[in-house]
Amino acid sequence: MRSMLMYLALVLILGGRGEDVRAEVRAAEDTFPAGLAAYASPRAAARATEFSGDNHRYSFHAEPELSEAPAPQSYWPVLYSALVPGVGELTMGYEKRGIALIAVDLLAWTGYFVKHEEGLDERDEYEAFADQYWTERKFIDDHYLVYPQTGQTLEYLEEQGQAVSGSGGDWWTGYIPYVSKEEDKQHYYENLGKYDWFVSGWSDYDPLVDPPVAESALREQYRAMRAESNDDLDQANSFIWVSLAARVFSIAETAIIVHNRREEGAQSSAAFDSPVALRARPRGFDGGELALEIRFK
């Protein structure tokens, strides 16, 4: 009977303090530091609390921010350098190198467009010059294999040229097949100045000179005009090579920097390879325990 009475008294006492304990738990939910919780929220942590009489115990595991390894260096700067030399270096903080390479590439493309346009303009000029001072009709009529005949066809001249080709004459070059402008414009204008076979087509060529001499001041002027145009076009292509060299250099340099940074990042992340934990266990509502735990593998 006495035991039964003591049991009922204990139940009443605990039942009377139950509301107080629940109020203290709610207070703990509002005041517990969220940054140290291993749970989704302080409320979830409070629910996991174990009570034993007037004391409660709580333990959690938290990973400090310093335990996070740095993000590895990406390879995007290499692609940027492939598109525009210097941009990759610029995005990684190498401003002087990046700006210098961008300037080199910009100057190279500027030089290309300037020289390319000059070469094309000069090409138009020498082609117009040839159209004005060289004619197919004079080429046939005043050719040494035709003159002083007139009215012969191009086929006739071609047959004569093939007949004497390889004869070894020391005062005239051998036969060169004629290519019209419609068939091949590039070779047409090249042949007019390059080969003596076509010299009779220039308006200042004199067929009366005996023996015939492959001389024409207009052809020499035409050759100089054509050489100037070709030189400018060659210089334009040289600027392309400068741009390509700057791009290759930038890609190689950026790749090396990225590789070195990734290695440095891997070495740095090794320091974070050991998990760090902060553990706490309150004792009652007035005190507790706090410990820093580092586990080495």
C-alpha atoms as a PDB file:
ATOM      1  CA  MET A   1       0.000   0.000   0.000  1.00  0.00           C
ATOM      2  CA  ARG A   2       2.852   2.371   0.851  1.00  0.00           C
ATOM      3  CA  SER A   3       4.566   1.575  -2.455  1.00  0.00           C
ATOM      4  CA  MET A   4       1.391   2.335  -4.338  1.00  0.00           C
ATOM      5  CA  LEU A   5       1.072   5.723  -2.658  1.00  0.00           C
ATOM      6  CA  MET A   6       4.692   6.623  -3.411  1.00  0.00           C
ATOM      7  CA  TYR A   7       4.202   5.666  -7.058  1.00  0.00           C
ATOM      8  CA  LEU A   8       1.119   7.860  -7.349  1.00  0.00           C
ATOM      9  CA  ALA A   9       2.952  10.778  -5.743  1.00  0.00           C
ATOM     10  CA  LEU A  10       5.847  10.427  -8.190  1.00  0.00           C
ATOM     11  CA  VAL A  11       3.489  10.399 -11.141  1.00  0.00           C
ATOM     12  CA  LEU A  12       1.762  13.524  -9.878  1.00  0.00           C
ATOM     13  CA  ILE A  13       5.074  15.307  -9.375  1.00  0.00           C
ATOM     14  CA  LEU A  14       6.397  14.433 -12.790  1.00  0.00           C
ATOM     15  CA  GLY A  15       3.051  15.187 -14.359  1.00  0.00           C
ATOM     16  CA  GLY A  16       3.071  18.608 -12.709  1.00  0.00           C
ATOM     17  CA  ARG A  17       6.569  19.369 -14.056  1.00  0.00           C
ATOM     18  CA  GLY A  18       5.872  18.009 -17.551  1.00  0.00           C
ATOM     19  CA  GLU A  19       4.568  21.329 -18.819  1.00  0.00           C
ATOM     20  CA  ASP A  20       7.624  23.117 -17.397  1.00  0.00           C
ATOM     21  CA  VAL A  21       9.970  20.713 -19.142  1.00  0.00           C
ATOM     22  CA  ARG A  22       8.140  21.137 -22.457  1.00  0.00           C
ATOM     23  CA  ALA A  23       8.415  24.932 -22.092  1.00  0.00           C
ATOM     24  CA  GLU A  24      12.161  24.613 -21.563  1.00  0.00           C
ATOM     25  CA  VAL A  25      12.439  22.471 -24.697  1.00  0.00           C
ATOM     26  CA  ARG A  26      10.590  25.110 -26.705  1.00  0.00           C
ATOM     27  CA  ALA A  27      12.972  27.746 -25.346  1.00  0.00           C
ATOM     28  CA  ALA A  28      15.886  25.600 -26.423  1.00  0.00           C
ATOM     29  CA  GLU A  29      14.439  25.403 -29.914  1.00  0.00           C
ATOM     30  CA  ASP A  30      14.466  29.206 -30.214  1.00  0.00           C
ATOM     31  CA  THR A  31      17.893  29.860 -28.697  1.00  0.00           C
ATOM     32  CA  PHE A  32      19.987  26.968 -29.974  1.00  0.00           C
ATOM     33  CA  PRO A  33      22.602  28.274 -32.505  1.00  0.00           C
ATOM     34  CA  ALA A  34      21.527  27.062 -35.932  1.00  0.00           C
ATOM     35  CA  GLY A  35      25.077  27.192 -37.296  1.00  0.00           C
ATOM     36  CA  LEU A  36      26.160  24.392 -34.956  1.00  0.00           C
ATOM     37  CA  ALA A  37      23.285  22.055 -35.695  1.00  0.00           C
ATOM     38  CA  ALA A  38      23.757  18.827 -37.559  1.00  0.00           C
ATOM     39  CA  TYR A  39      20.024  18.763 -38.186  1.00  0.00           C
ATOM     40  CA  ALA A  40      17.867  20.649 -40.633  1.00  0.00           C
ATOM     41  CA  SER A  41      16.843  23.184 -37.958  1.00  0.00           C
ATOM     42  CA  PRO A  42      17.199  23.920 -34.226  1.00  0.00           C
ATOM     43  CA  ARG A  43      13.624  22.585 -33.781  1.00  0.00           C
ATOM     44  CA  ALA A  44      14.628  19.222 -35.210  1.00  0.00           C
ATOM     45  CA  ALA A  45      17.678  19.173 -32.950  1.00  0.00           C
ATOM     46  CA  ALA A  46      15.596  19.934 -29.887  1.00  0.00           C
ATOM     47  CA  ARG A  47      13.213  17.087 -30.701  1.00  0.00           C
ATOM     48  CA  ALA A  48      16.140  14.696 -30.715  1.00  0.00           C
ATOM     49  CA  THR A  49      17.129  15.705 -27.172  1.00  0.00           C
ATOM     50  CA  GLU A  50      17.261  12.900 -24.603  1.00  0.00           C
ATOM     51  CA  PHE A  51      15.931  13.715 -21.149  1.00  0.00           C
ATOM     52  CA  SER A  52      16.851  12.049 -17.882  1.00  0.00           C
ATOM     53  CA  GLY A  53      15.370  13.668 -14.840  1.00  0.00           C
ATOM     54  CA  ASP A  54      16.443  17.313 -14.561  1.00  0.00           C
ATOM     55  CA  ASN A  55      19.255  16.862 -17.057  1.00  0.00           C
ATOM     56  CA  HIS A  56      19.153  16.435 -20.792  1.00  0.00           C
ATOM     57  CA  ARG A  57      21.940  15.421 -23.114  1.00  0.00           C
ATOM     58  CA  TYR A  58      22.419  16.548 -26.688  1.00  0.00           C
ATOM     59  CA  SER A  59      25.190  15.744 -29.186  1.00  0.00           C
ATOM     60  CA  PHE A  60      25.693  16.880 -32.747  1.00  0.00           C
ATOM     61  CA  HIS A  61      28.290  16.813 -35.511  1.00  0.00           C
ATOM     62  CA  ALA A  62      29.136  19.955 -37.456  1.00  0.00           C
ATOM     63  CA  GLU A  63      31.616  20.476 -40.278  1.00  0.00           C
ATOM     64  CA  PRO A  64      33.280  23.936 -40.031  1.00  0.00           C
ATOM     65  CA  GLU A  65      33.403  26.069 -43.153  1.00  0.00           C
ATOM     66  CA  LEU A  66      37.198  25.817 -43.254  1.00  0.00           C
ATOM     67  CA  SER A  67      36.883  22.088 -43.901  1.00  0.00           C
ATOM     68  CA  GLU A  68      35.585  22.709 -47.427  1.00  0.00           C
ATOM     69  CA  ALA A  69      38.274  22.271 -50.109  1.00  0.00           C
ATOM     70  CA  PRO A  70      38.648  25.053 -52.695  1.00  0.00           C
ATOM     71  CA  ALA A  71      36.971  24.526 -56.062  1.00  0.00           C
ATOM     72  CA  PRO A  72      39.421  23.285 -58.740  1.00  0.00           C
ATOM     73  CA  GLN A  73      40.552  25.622 -61.509  1.00  0.00           C
ATOM     74  CA  SER A  74      38.457  25.083 -64.644  1.00  0.00           C
ATOM     75  CA  TYR A  75      39.773  24.749 -68.193  1.00  0.00           C
ATOM     76  CA  TRP A  76      37.503  27.453 -69.631  1.00  0.00           C
ATOM     77  CA  PRO A  77      40.373  30.002 -69.882  1.00  0.00           C
ATOM     78  CA  VAL A  78      42.088  27.705 -72.407  1.00  0.00           C
ATOM     79  CA  LEU A  79      39.041  27.946 -74.653  1.00  0.00           C
ATOM     80  CA  TYR A  80      38.978  31.716 -74.223  1.00  0.00           C
ATOM     81  CA  SER A  81      42.618  31.911 -75.346  1.00  0.00           C
ATOM     82  CA  ALA A  82      41.816  29.776 -78.376  1.00  0.00           C
ATOM     83  CA  LEU A  83      39.112  32.238 -79.402  1.00  0.00           C
ATOM     84  CA  VAL A  84      41.017  35.454 -78.613  1.00  0.00           C
ATOM     85  CA  PRO A  85      44.672  35.360 -77.482  1.00  0.00           C
ATOM     86  CA  GLY A  86      45.116  36.915 -74.054  1.00  0.00           C
ATOM     87  CA  VAL A  87      41.538  36.573 -72.818  1.00  0.00           C
ATOM     88  CA  GLY A  88      42.364  33.400 -70.893  1.00  0.00           C
ATOM     89  CA  GLU A  89      45.226  35.126 -69.059  1.00  0.00           C
ATOM     90  CA  LEU A  90      43.012  38.134 -68.414  1.00  0.00           C
ATOM     91  CA  THR A  91      40.279  36.057 -66.753  1.00  0.00           C
ATOM     92  CA  MET A  92      42.837  34.472 -64.414  1.00  0.00           C
ATOM     93  CA  GLY A  93      44.248  37.775 -63.211  1.00  0.00           C
ATOM     94  CA  TYR A  94      47.253  38.178 -65.538  1.00  0.00           C
ATOM     95  CA  GLU A  95      46.150  41.557 -66.846  1.00  0.00           C
ATOM     96  CA  LYS A  96      49.432  42.759 -68.402  1.00  0.00           C
ATOM     97  CA  ARG A  97      50.003  39.532 -70.333  1.00  0.00           C
ATOM     98  CA  GLY A  98      46.387  39.369 -71.419  1.00  0.00           C
ATOM     99  CA  ILE A  99      46.260  42.968 -72.636  1.00  0.00           C
ATOM    100  CA  ALA A 100      49.595  42.577 -74.461  1.00  0.00           C
ATOM    101  CA  LEU A 101      48.431  39.466 -76.341  1.00  0.00           C
ATOM    102  CA  ILE A 102      45.077  41.031 -77.187  1.00  0.00           C
ATOM    103  CA  ALA A 103      46.931  44.073 -78.568  1.00  0.00           C
ATOM    104  CA  VAL A 104      49.207  41.851 -80.677  1.00  0.00           C
ATOM    105  CA  ASP A 105      46.224  39.991 -82.122  1.00  0.00           C
ATOM    106  CA  LEU A 106      44.385  43.246 -82.801  1.00  0.00           C
ATOM    107  CA  LEU A 107      47.392  44.748 -84.590  1.00  0.00           C
ATOM    108  CA  ALA A 108      47.864  41.557 -86.599  1.00  0.00           C
ATOM    109  CA  TRP A 109      44.285  41.558 -87.865  1.00  0.00           C
ATOM    110  CA  THR A 110      44.446  45.292 -88.569  1.00  0.00           C
ATOM    111  CA  GLY A 111      47.607  44.762 -90.599  1.00  0.00           C
ATOM    112  CA  TYR A 112      45.998  41.880 -92.447  1.00  0.00           C
ATOM    113  CA  PHE A 113      42.918  43.817 -93.506  1.00  0.00           C
ATOM    114  CA  VAL A 114      44.928  46.896 -94.513  1.00  0.00           C
ATOM    115  CA  LYS A 115      47.443  44.978 -96.622  1.00  0.00           C
ATOM    116  CA  HIS A 116      44.834  42.640 -98.047  1.00  0.00           C
ATOM    117  CA  GLU A 117      42.711  45.530 -99.244  1.00  0.00           C
ATOM    118  CA  GLU A 118      45.764  47.297-100.713  1.00  0.00           C
ATOM    119  CA  GLY A 119      46.784  44.129-102.549  1.00  0.00           C
ATOM    120  CA  LEU A 120      43.303  43.659-104.006  1.00  0.00           C
ATOM    121  CA  ASP A 121      43.133  47.296-105.122  1.00  0.00           C
ATOM    122  CA  GLU A 122      46.519  46.962-106.809  1.00  0.00           C
ATOM    123  CA  ARG A 123      45.350  43.757-108.462  1.00  0.00           C
ATOM    124  CA  ASP A 124      42.413  45.598-109.961  1.00  0.00           C
ATOM    125  CA  GLU A 125      44.825  48.249-111.206  1.00  0.00           C
ATOM    126  CA  TYR A 126      47.243  45.886-112.952  1.00  0.00           C
ATOM    127  CA  GLU A 127      44.394  43.889-114.479  1.00  0.00           C
ATOM    128  CA  ALA A 128      42.889  47.100-115.866  1.00  0.00           C
ATOM    129  CA  PHE A 129      46.350  48.059-117.149  1.00  0.00           C
ATOM    130  CA  ALA A 130      46.685  44.738-118.983  1.00  0.00           C
ATOM    131  CA  ASP A 131      43.186  45.045-120.455  1.00  0.00           C
ATOM    132  CA  GLN A 132      44.159  48.442-121.820  1.00  0.00           C
ATOM    133  CA  TYR A 133      47.605  47.665-123.284  1.00  0.00           C
ATOM    134  CA  TRP A 134      47.512  43.955-124.184  1.00  0.00           C
ATOM    135  CA  THR A 135      45.235  42.433-126.821  1.00  0.00           C
ATOM    136  CA  GLU A 136      44.845  38.942-128.175  1.00  0.00           C
ATOM    137  CA  ARG A 137      44.644  40.184-131.753  1.00  0.00           C
ATOM    138  CA  LYS A 138      48.025  41.933-131.626  1.00  0.00           C
ATOM    139  CA  PHE A 139      49.493  38.933-129.837  1.00  0.00           C
ATOM    140  CA  ILE A 140      48.620  36.747-132.831  1.00  0.00           C
ATOM    141  CA  ASP A 141      49.351  39.153-135.697  1.00  0.00           C
ATOM    142  CA  ASP A 142      52.685  40.469-134.374  1.00  0.00           C
ATOM    143  CA  HIS A 143      53.986  37.161-133.069  1.00  0.00           C
ATOM    144  CA  TYR A 144      57.305  36.284-134.699  1.00  0.00           C
ATOM    145  CA  LEU A 145      55.853  32.975-135.959  1.00  0.00           C
ATOM    146  CA  VAL A 146      53.014  34.837-137.759  1.00  0.00           C
ATOM    147  CA  TYR A 147      54.236  38.325-138.711  1.00  0.00           C
ATOM    148  CA  PRO A 148      53.976  39.783-141.328  1.00  0.00           C
ATOM    149  CA  GLN A 149      50.861  37.743-141.957  1.00  0.00           C
ATOM    150  CA  THR A 150      47.559  39.004-140.659  1.00  0.00           C
ATOM    151  CA  GLY A 151      44.211  37.490-139.838  1.00  0.00           C
ATOM    152  CA  GLN A 152      45.568  34.192-138.554  1.00  0.00           C
ATOM    153  CA  THR A 153      43.693  32.343-135.864  1.00  0.00           C
ATOM    154  CA  LEU A 154      44.816  31.464-132.370  1.00  0.00           C
ATOM    155  CA  GLU A 155      44.695  27.798-133.354  1.00  0.00           C
ATOM    156  CA  TYR A 156      47.202  28.468-136.144  1.00  0.00           C
ATOM    157  CA  LEU A 157      49.609  30.155-133.711  1.00  0.00           C
ATOM    158  CA  GLU A 158      49.202  27.297-131.259  1.00  0.00           C
ATOM    159  CA  GLU A 159      50.100  24.795-133.993  1.00  0.00           C
ATOM    160  CA  GLN A 160      53.205  26.806-134.927  1.00  0.00           C
ATOM    161  CA  GLY A 161      54.235  27.036-131.313  1.00  0.00           C
ATOM    162  CA  GLN A 162      53.867  23.317-130.756  1.00  0.00           C
ATOM    163  CA  ALA A 163      55.927  22.667-133.902  1.00  0.00           C
ATOM    164  CA  VAL A 164      58.889  24.750-132.716  1.00  0.00           C
ATOM    165  CA  SER A 165      58.626  23.843-129.049  1.00  0.00           C
ATOM    166  CA  GLY A 166      61.880  22.445-127.758  1.00  0.00           C
ATOM    167  CA  SER A 167      63.861  23.628-130.792  1.00  0.00           C
ATOM    168  CA  GLY A 168      66.437  25.223-128.459  1.00  0.00           C
ATOM    169  CA  GLY A 169      66.455  28.716-129.960  1.00  0.00           C
ATOM    170  CA  ASP A 170      68.563  30.976-127.737  1.00  0.00           C
ATOM    171  CA  TRP A 171      66.726  34.224-128.593  1.00  0.00           C
ATOM    172  CA  TRP A 172      63.199  33.235-127.628  1.00  0.00           C
ATOM    173  CA  THR A 173      61.528  31.178-124.972  1.00  0.00           C
ATOM    174  CA  GLY A 174      59.568  28.072-125.795  1.00  0.00           C
ATOM    175  CA  TYR A 175      55.901  27.679-126.534  1.00  0.00           C
ATOM    176  CA  ILE A 176      53.391  28.333-123.708  1.00  0.00           C
ATOM    177  CA  PRO A 177      49.747  27.287-124.188  1.00  0.00           C
ATOM    178  CA  TYR A 178      47.401  30.230-124.240  1.00  0.00           C
ATOM    179  CA  VAL A 179      44.792  30.432-121.449  1.00  0.00           C
ATOM    180  CA  SER A 180      41.947  32.870-121.908  1.00  0.00           C
ATOM    181  CA  LYS A 181      40.591  35.118-119.164  1.00  0.00           C
ATOM    182  CA  GLU A 182      37.319  33.208-119.200  1.00  0.00           C
ATOM    183  CA  GLU A 183      39.076  29.865-118.672  1.00  0.00           C
ATOM    184  CA  ASP A 184      41.434  30.889-115.868  1.00  0.00           C
ATOM    185  CA  LYS A 185      41.637  34.538-114.906  1.00  0.00           C
ATOM    186  CA  GLN A 186      44.581  34.131-112.533  1.00  0.00           C
ATOM    187  CA  HIS A 187      46.825  32.317-115.017  1.00  0.00           C
ATOM    188  CA  TYR A 188      45.752  34.612-117.835  1.00  0.00           C
ATOM    189  CA  TYR A 189      47.084  37.722-116.091  1.00  0.00           C
ATOM    190  CA  GLU A 190      50.102  35.847-114.757  1.00  0.00           C
ATOM    191  CA  ASN A 191      51.165  34.605-118.206  1.00  0.00           C
ATOM    192  CA  LEU A 192      50.990  38.051-119.847  1.00  0.00           C
ATOM    193  CA  GLY A 193      53.840  39.352-117.740  1.00  0.00           C
ATOM    194  CA  LYS A 194      55.706  36.169-116.921  1.00  0.00           C
ATOM    195  CA  TYR A 195      56.431  34.591-120.313  1.00  0.00           C
ATOM    196  CA  ASP A 196      58.114  36.095-123.345  1.00  0.00           C
ATOM    197  CA  TRP A 197      55.802  34.057-125.574  1.00  0.00           C
ATOM    198  CA  PHE A 198      53.058  36.648-125.002  1.00  0.00           C
ATOM    199  CA  VAL A 199      55.158  39.812-125.356  1.00  0.00           C
ATOM    200  CA  SER A 200      53.860  40.549-128.869  1.00  0.00           C
ATOM    201  CA  GLY A 201      50.449  41.355-127.408  1.00  0.00           C
ATOM    202  CA  TRP A 202      51.691  44.534-125.663  1.00  0.00           C
ATOM    203  CA  SER A 203      50.927  47.688-127.580  1.00  0.00           C
ATOM    204  CA  ASP A 204      54.538  48.987-127.515  1.00  0.00           C
ATOM    205  CA  TYR A 205      56.039  45.763-128.873  1.00  0.00           C
ATOM    206  CA  ASP A 206      57.782  46.327-132.210  1.00  0.00           C
ATOM    207  CA  PRO A 207      57.538  43.314-134.586  1.00  0.00           C
ATOM    208  CA  LEU A 208      59.911  44.992-137.094  1.00  0.00           C
ATOM    209  CA  VAL A 209      62.986  44.371-134.973  1.00  0.00           C
ATOM    210  CA  ASP A 210      65.077  41.685-136.624  1.00  0.00           C
ATOM    211  CA  PRO A 211      65.835  39.354-135.027  1.00  0.00           C
ATOM    212  CA  PRO A 212      62.779  39.638-132.768  1.00  0.00           C
ATOM    213  CA  VAL A 213      63.485  40.788-129.212  1.00  0.00           C
ATOM    214  CA  ALA A 214      61.137  40.114-126.316  1.00  0.00           C
ATOM    215  CA  GLU A 215      61.139  43.690-125.054  1.00  0.00           C
ATOM    216  CA  SER A 216      58.270  45.865-123.862  1.00  0.00           C
ATOM    217  CA  ALA A 217      58.368  48.768-121.417  1.00  0.00           C
ATOM    218  CA  LEU A 218      54.667  48.307-120.742  1.00  0.00           C
ATOM    219  CA  ARG A 219      55.205  44.691-119.796  1.00  0.00           C
ATOM    220  CA  GLU A 220      57.963  45.715-117.369  1.00  0.00           C
ATOM    221  CA  GLN A 221      55.619  48.257-115.793  1.00  0.00           C
ATOM    222  CA  TYR A 222      52.934  45.613-115.594  1.00  0.00           C
ATOM    223  CA  ARG A 223      55.330  43.214-113.891  1.00  0.00           C
ATOM    224  CA  ALA A 224      56.208  45.833-111.269  1.00  0.00           C
ATOM    225  CA  MET A 225      52.534  46.527-110.572  1.00  0.00           C
ATOM    226  CA  ARG A 226      51.788  42.861-110.212  1.00  0.00           C
ATOM    227  CA  ALA A 227      54.790  42.281-107.957  1.00  0.00           C
ATOM    228  CA  GLU A 228      53.676  45.119-105.668  1.00  0.00           C
ATOM    229  CA  SER A 229      50.205  43.631-105.389  1.00  0.00           C
ATOM    230  CA  ASN A 230      51.570  40.173-104.643  1.00  0.00           C
ATOM    231  CA  ASP A 231      53.930  41.588-102.006  1.00  0.00           C
ATOM    232  CA  ASP A 232      51.063  43.273-100.168  1.00  0.00           C
ATOM    233  CA  LEU A 233      48.973  40.105-100.278  1.00  0.00           C
ATOM    234  CA  ASP A 234      51.932  38.108 -98.959  1.00  0.00           C
ATOM    235  CA  GLN A 235      52.357  40.597 -96.111  1.00  0.00           C
ATOM    236  CA  ALA A 236      48.666  40.219 -95.299  1.00  0.00           C
ATOM    237  CA  ASN A 237      49.175  36.462 -95.003  1.00  0.00           C
ATOM    238  CA  SER A 238      52.189  37.082 -92.752  1.00  0.00           C
ATOM    239  CA  PHE A 239      49.963  38.973 -90.329  1.00  0.00           C
ATOM    240  CA  ILE A 240      47.727  35.910 -90.190  1.00  0.00           C
ATOM    241  CA  TRP A 241      50.720  33.868 -89.068  1.00  0.00           C
ATOM    242  CA  VAL A 242      51.461  36.458 -86.349  1.00  0.00           C
ATOM    243  CA  SER A 243      47.899  36.119 -85.076  1.00  0.00           C
ATOM    244  CA  LEU A 244      48.155  32.321 -85.175  1.00  0.00           C
ATOM    245  CA  ALA A 245      51.462  32.393 -83.269  1.00  0.00           C
ATOM    246  CA  ALA A 246      49.957  34.658 -80.579  1.00  0.00           C
ATOM    247  CA  ARG A 247      46.995  32.302 -80.269  1.00  0.00           C
ATOM    248  CA  VAL A 248      49.185  29.197 -79.928  1.00  0.00           C
ATOM    249  CA  PHE A 249      51.353  30.931 -77.328  1.00  0.00           C
ATOM    250  CA  SER A 250      48.308  32.078 -75.353  1.00  0.00           C
ATOM    251  CA  ILE A 251      46.745  28.593 -75.408  1.00  0.00           C
ATOM    252  CA  ALA A 252      49.987  26.973 -74.225  1.00  0.00           C
ATOM    253  CA  GLU A 253      50.570  29.530 -71.481  1.00  0.00           C
ATOM    254  CA  THR A 254      46.982  29.371 -70.238  1.00  0.00           C
ATOM    255  CA  ALA A 255      47.051  25.574 -70.177  1.00  0.00           C
ATOM    256  CA  ILE A 256      50.243  25.630 -68.097  1.00  0.00           C
ATOM    257  CA  ILE A 257      48.766  28.134 -65.627  1.00  0.00           C
ATOM    258  CA  VAL A 258      45.566  26.110 -65.299  1.00  0.00           C
ATOM    259  CA  HIS A 259      47.542  22.898 -64.780  1.00  0.00           C
ATOM    260  CA  ASN A 260      49.698  24.488 -62.081  1.00  0.00           C
ATOM    261  CA  ARG A 261      46.681  25.919 -60.295  1.00  0.00           C
ATOM    262  CA  ARG A 262      44.895  22.571 -60.331  1.00  0.00           C
ATOM    263  CA  GLU A 263      47.958  20.920 -58.810  1.00  0.00           C
ATOM    264  CA  GLU A 264      48.163  23.612 -56.138  1.00  0.00           C
ATOM    265  CA  GLY A 265      44.458  23.142 -55.440  1.00  0.00           C
ATOM    266  CA  ALA A 266      44.928  19.388 -55.093  1.00  0.00           C
ATOM    267  CA  GLN A 267      47.757  19.922 -52.606  1.00  0.00           C
ATOM    268  CA  SER A 268      45.684  22.430 -50.650  1.00  0.00           C
ATOM    269  CA  SER A 269      42.680  20.125 -50.529  1.00  0.00           C
ATOM    270  CA  ALA A 270      44.861  17.476 -48.894  1.00  0.00           C
ATOM    271  CA  ALA A 271      44.780  19.598 -45.732  1.00  0.00           C
ATOM    272  CA  PHE A 272      40.981  19.247 -45.742  1.00  0.00           C
ATOM    273  CA  ASP A 273      41.037  15.507 -46.282  1.00  0.00           C
ATOM    274  CA  SER A 274      40.745  14.837 -42.525  1.00  0.00           C
ATOM    275  CA  PRO A 275      37.184  15.372 -41.306  1.00  0.00           C
ATOM    276  CA  VAL A 276      36.788  18.000 -38.592  1.00  0.00           C
ATOM    277  CA  ALA A 277      33.875  17.747 -36.191  1.00  0.00           C
ATOM    278  CA  LEU A 278      32.593  19.988 -33.426  1.00  0.00           C
ATOM    279  CA  ARG A 279      30.767  18.057 -30.750  1.00  0.00           C
ATOM    280  CA  ALA A 280      28.671  19.495 -27.879  1.00  0.00           C
ATOM    281  CA  ARG A 281      26.666  17.912 -25.096  1.00  0.00           C
ATOM    282  CA  PRO A 282      24.617  20.126 -22.774  1.00  0.00           C
ATOM    283  CA  ARG A 283      24.298  18.970 -19.189  1.00  0.00           C
ATOM    284  CA  GLY A 284      21.060  20.070 -17.630  1.00  0.00           C
ATOM    285  CA  PHE A 285      19.945  23.551 -18.530  1.00  0.00           C
ATOM    286  CA  ASP A 286      22.903  25.359 -16.942  1.00  0.00           C
ATOM    287  CA  GLY A 287      26.032  23.776 -18.418  1.00  0.00           C
ATOM    288  CA  GLY A 288      27.465  21.595 -21.114  1.00  0.00           C
ATOM    289  CA  GLU A 289      30.529  20.174 -22.865  1.00  0.00           C
ATOM    290  CA  LEU A 290      32.171  21.345 -26.121  1.00  0.00           C
ATOM    291  CA  ALA A 291      34.896  19.407 -27.974  1.00  0.00           C
ATOM    292  CA  LEU A 292      36.771  19.745 -31.297  1.00  0.00           C
ATOM    293  CA  GLU A 293      37.378  16.425 -33.013  1.00  0.00           C
ATOM    294  CA  ILE A 294      39.855  15.819 -35.874  1.00  0.00           C
ATOM    295  CA  ARG A 295      40.088  12.380 -37.437  1.00  0.00           C
ATOM    296  CA  PHE A 296      43.181  11.436 -39.404  1.00  0.00           C
ATOM    297  CA  LYS A 297      43.088   8.681 -41.970  1.00  0.00           C
END
